[in-house]
């Protein structure tokens, strides 16, 4: 199972890179708000938190 870890980490890196790319970030850059907070910071924080959660899950799984 450990041999699958490196490709999964690389895939997670590529996914994070794609999600933080300018065209996708531009989708969140609107005048709308959620609970009084602008969408751009909320979207960035949410994506960042999900990436960290998936990384923690991958690293802490039993082999």
N, C-alpha and C. Protein backbone atom coordinates (compact mmCIF):
# COMPACT_ATOMS: atom_id res chain seq x y z
N UNK A 1 0.82 -1.20 0.00
CA UNK A 1 0.00 0.00 0.00
C UNK A 1 0.87 1.26 0.00
N UNK A 2 2.07 1.17 0.56
CA UNK A 2 2.95 2.34 0.61
C UNK A 2 3.40 2.77 -0.78
N UNK A 3 3.47 1.84 -1.71
CA UNK A 3 3.92 2.20 -3.05
C UNK A 3 2.91 3.06 -3.77
N UNK A 4 1.67 3.07 -3.32
CA UNK A 4 0.65 3.92 -3.92
C UNK A 4 0.63 5.33 -3.32
N UNK A 5 1.39 5.53 -2.25
CA UNK A 5 1.35 6.83 -1.58
C UNK A 5 1.95 7.94 -2.44
N UNK A 6 3.09 7.70 -3.05
CA UNK A 6 3.75 8.74 -3.84
C UNK A 6 2.87 9.21 -5.01
N UNK A 7 2.29 8.32 -5.81
CA UNK A 7 1.42 8.81 -6.88
C UNK A 7 0.20 9.57 -6.36
N UNK A 8 -0.33 9.16 -5.23
CA UNK A 8 -1.48 9.87 -4.67
C UNK A 8 -1.10 11.25 -4.17
N UNK A 9 0.09 11.38 -3.58
CA UNK A 9 0.55 12.69 -3.14
C UNK A 9 0.81 13.60 -4.34
N UNK A 10 1.36 13.05 -5.39
CA UNK A 10 1.58 13.84 -6.61
C UNK A 10 0.24 14.28 -7.20
N UNK A 11 -0.73 13.38 -7.22
CA UNK A 11 -2.05 13.73 -7.73
C UNK A 11 -2.70 14.81 -6.86
N UNK A 12 -2.51 14.74 -5.55
CA UNK A 12 -3.06 15.76 -4.65
C UNK A 12 -2.39 17.11 -4.91
N UNK A 13 -1.09 17.10 -5.16
CA UNK A 13 -0.38 18.33 -5.48
C UNK A 13 -0.91 18.95 -6.77
N UNK A 14 -1.09 18.12 -7.79
CA UNK A 14 -1.60 18.62 -9.08
C UNK A 14 -3.02 19.16 -8.91
N UNK A 15 -3.83 18.45 -8.14
CA UNK A 15 -5.19 18.92 -7.89
C UNK A 15 -5.18 20.28 -7.17
N UNK A 16 -4.33 20.41 -6.15
CA UNK A 16 -4.23 21.68 -5.45
C UNK A 16 -3.74 22.79 -6.36
N UNK A 17 -2.78 22.47 -7.20
CA UNK A 17 -2.25 23.45 -8.14
C UNK A 17 -3.35 23.90 -9.10
N UNK A 18 -4.14 22.95 -9.57
CA UNK A 18 -5.23 23.29 -10.50
C UNK A 18 -6.32 24.12 -9.80
N UNK A 19 -6.64 23.75 -8.56
CA UNK A 19 -7.70 24.47 -7.84
C UNK A 19 -7.29 25.89 -7.48
N UNK A 20 -6.00 26.13 -7.29
CA UNK A 20 -5.53 27.47 -6.97
C UNK A 20 -5.04 28.23 -8.19
N UNK A 21 -5.33 27.72 -9.37
CA UNK A 21 -4.94 28.43 -10.59
C UNK A 21 -5.87 29.64 -10.80
N UNK A 22 -5.38 30.60 -11.55
CA UNK A 22 -6.11 31.85 -11.72
C UNK A 22 -7.51 31.68 -12.30
N UNK A 23 -7.71 30.88 -13.37
CA UNK A 23 -9.07 30.80 -13.92
C UNK A 23 -10.10 30.26 -12.93
N UNK A 24 -9.71 29.30 -12.09
CA UNK A 24 -10.67 28.77 -11.13
C UNK A 24 -10.86 29.71 -9.94
N UNK A 25 -9.81 30.41 -9.54
CA UNK A 25 -9.97 31.39 -8.46
C UNK A 25 -10.88 32.53 -8.92
N UNK A 26 -10.80 32.87 -10.18
CA UNK A 26 -11.62 33.95 -10.71
C UNK A 26 -13.12 33.62 -10.60
N UNK A 27 -13.48 32.35 -10.58
CA UNK A 27 -14.88 31.97 -10.41
C UNK A 27 -15.43 32.43 -9.06
N UNK A 28 -14.57 32.47 -8.04
CA UNK A 28 -15.01 32.86 -6.71
C UNK A 28 -15.01 34.38 -6.51
N UNK A 29 -14.37 35.12 -7.41
CA UNK A 29 -14.22 36.56 -7.25
C UNK A 29 -15.48 37.28 -7.74
N UNK A 30 -16.47 37.33 -6.87
CA UNK A 30 -17.75 37.98 -7.17
C UNK A 30 -18.14 38.88 -6.02
N UNK A 31 -19.14 39.67 -6.26
CA UNK A 31 -19.63 40.57 -5.22
C UNK A 31 -20.57 39.88 -4.24
N UNK A 32 -20.80 38.61 -4.41
CA UNK A 32 -21.70 37.88 -3.51
C UNK A 32 -20.99 37.59 -2.19
N UNK A 33 -21.79 37.31 -1.17
CA UNK A 33 -21.23 36.97 0.13
C UNK A 33 -22.05 35.85 0.76
N UNK A 34 -21.42 35.19 1.68
CA UNK A 34 -22.07 34.10 2.41
C UNK A 34 -21.86 34.37 3.89
N UNK A 35 -22.93 34.53 4.64
CA UNK A 35 -22.89 34.89 6.05
C UNK A 35 -22.13 36.20 6.27
N UNK A 36 -22.22 37.11 5.30
CA UNK A 36 -21.58 38.40 5.41
C UNK A 36 -20.11 38.42 5.04
N UNK A 37 -19.57 37.29 4.60
CA UNK A 37 -18.16 37.21 4.21
C UNK A 37 -18.07 37.03 2.69
N UNK A 38 -17.10 37.68 2.05
CA UNK A 38 -16.96 37.55 0.60
C UNK A 38 -16.61 36.13 0.20
N UNK A 39 -17.03 35.73 -1.00
CA UNK A 39 -16.83 34.36 -1.45
C UNK A 39 -15.38 33.98 -1.71
N UNK A 40 -14.58 34.92 -2.17
CA UNK A 40 -13.19 34.59 -2.51
C UNK A 40 -12.41 34.05 -1.31
N UNK A 41 -12.35 34.75 -0.18
CA UNK A 41 -11.62 34.19 0.96
C UNK A 41 -12.24 32.90 1.49
N UNK A 42 -13.57 32.82 1.48
CA UNK A 42 -14.21 31.59 1.93
C UNK A 42 -13.87 30.41 1.03
N UNK A 43 -13.91 30.63 -0.28
CA UNK A 43 -13.57 29.56 -1.21
C UNK A 43 -12.13 29.12 -1.10
N UNK A 44 -11.23 30.08 -0.98
CA UNK A 44 -9.81 29.75 -0.83
C UNK A 44 -9.56 28.98 0.46
N UNK A 45 -10.16 29.42 1.56
CA UNK A 45 -9.98 28.73 2.83
C UNK A 45 -10.57 27.32 2.78
N UNK A 46 -11.74 27.18 2.16
CA UNK A 46 -12.37 25.87 2.07
C UNK A 46 -11.51 24.89 1.27
N UNK A 47 -11.02 25.32 0.11
CA UNK A 47 -10.17 24.46 -0.72
C UNK A 47 -8.89 24.11 0.02
N UNK A 48 -8.29 25.08 0.68
CA UNK A 48 -7.07 24.86 1.45
C UNK A 48 -7.31 23.84 2.57
N UNK A 49 -8.42 23.99 3.29
CA UNK A 49 -8.74 23.08 4.39
C UNK A 49 -9.00 21.66 3.88
N UNK A 50 -9.68 21.54 2.75
CA UNK A 50 -9.94 20.22 2.19
C UNK A 50 -8.64 19.55 1.75
N UNK A 51 -7.75 20.31 1.13
CA UNK A 51 -6.47 19.74 0.71
C UNK A 51 -5.65 19.27 1.91
N UNK A 52 -5.64 20.04 2.98
CA UNK A 52 -4.92 19.62 4.19
C UNK A 52 -5.58 18.40 4.81
N UNK A 53 -6.90 18.35 4.82
CA UNK A 53 -7.59 17.18 5.35
C UNK A 53 -7.30 15.92 4.57
N UNK A 54 -7.30 16.02 3.24
CA UNK A 54 -6.99 14.86 2.41
C UNK A 54 -5.54 14.44 2.60
N UNK A 55 -4.63 15.40 2.71
CA UNK A 55 -3.22 15.08 2.95
C UNK A 55 -3.05 14.37 4.29
N UNK A 56 -3.69 14.86 5.33
CA UNK A 56 -3.61 14.21 6.64
C UNK A 56 -4.18 12.81 6.58
N UNK A 57 -5.29 12.64 5.88
CA UNK A 57 -5.90 11.31 5.75
C UNK A 57 -4.96 10.35 5.03
N UNK A 58 -4.33 10.82 3.95
CA UNK A 58 -3.40 9.97 3.21
C UNK A 58 -2.19 9.57 4.06
N UNK A 59 -1.67 10.51 4.83
CA UNK A 59 -0.44 10.24 5.60
C UNK A 59 -0.71 9.39 6.83
N UNK A 60 -1.89 9.45 7.40
CA UNK A 60 -2.17 8.74 8.64
C UNK A 60 -2.90 7.41 8.46
N UNK A 61 -3.17 7.04 7.23
CA UNK A 61 -3.84 5.77 7.00
C UNK A 61 -2.93 4.60 7.37
N UNK A 62 -3.53 3.51 7.75
CA UNK A 62 -2.75 2.28 8.00
C UNK A 62 -2.32 1.69 6.68
N UNK A 63 -1.07 1.25 6.61
CA UNK A 63 -0.60 0.66 5.33
C UNK A 63 -1.23 -0.66 5.03
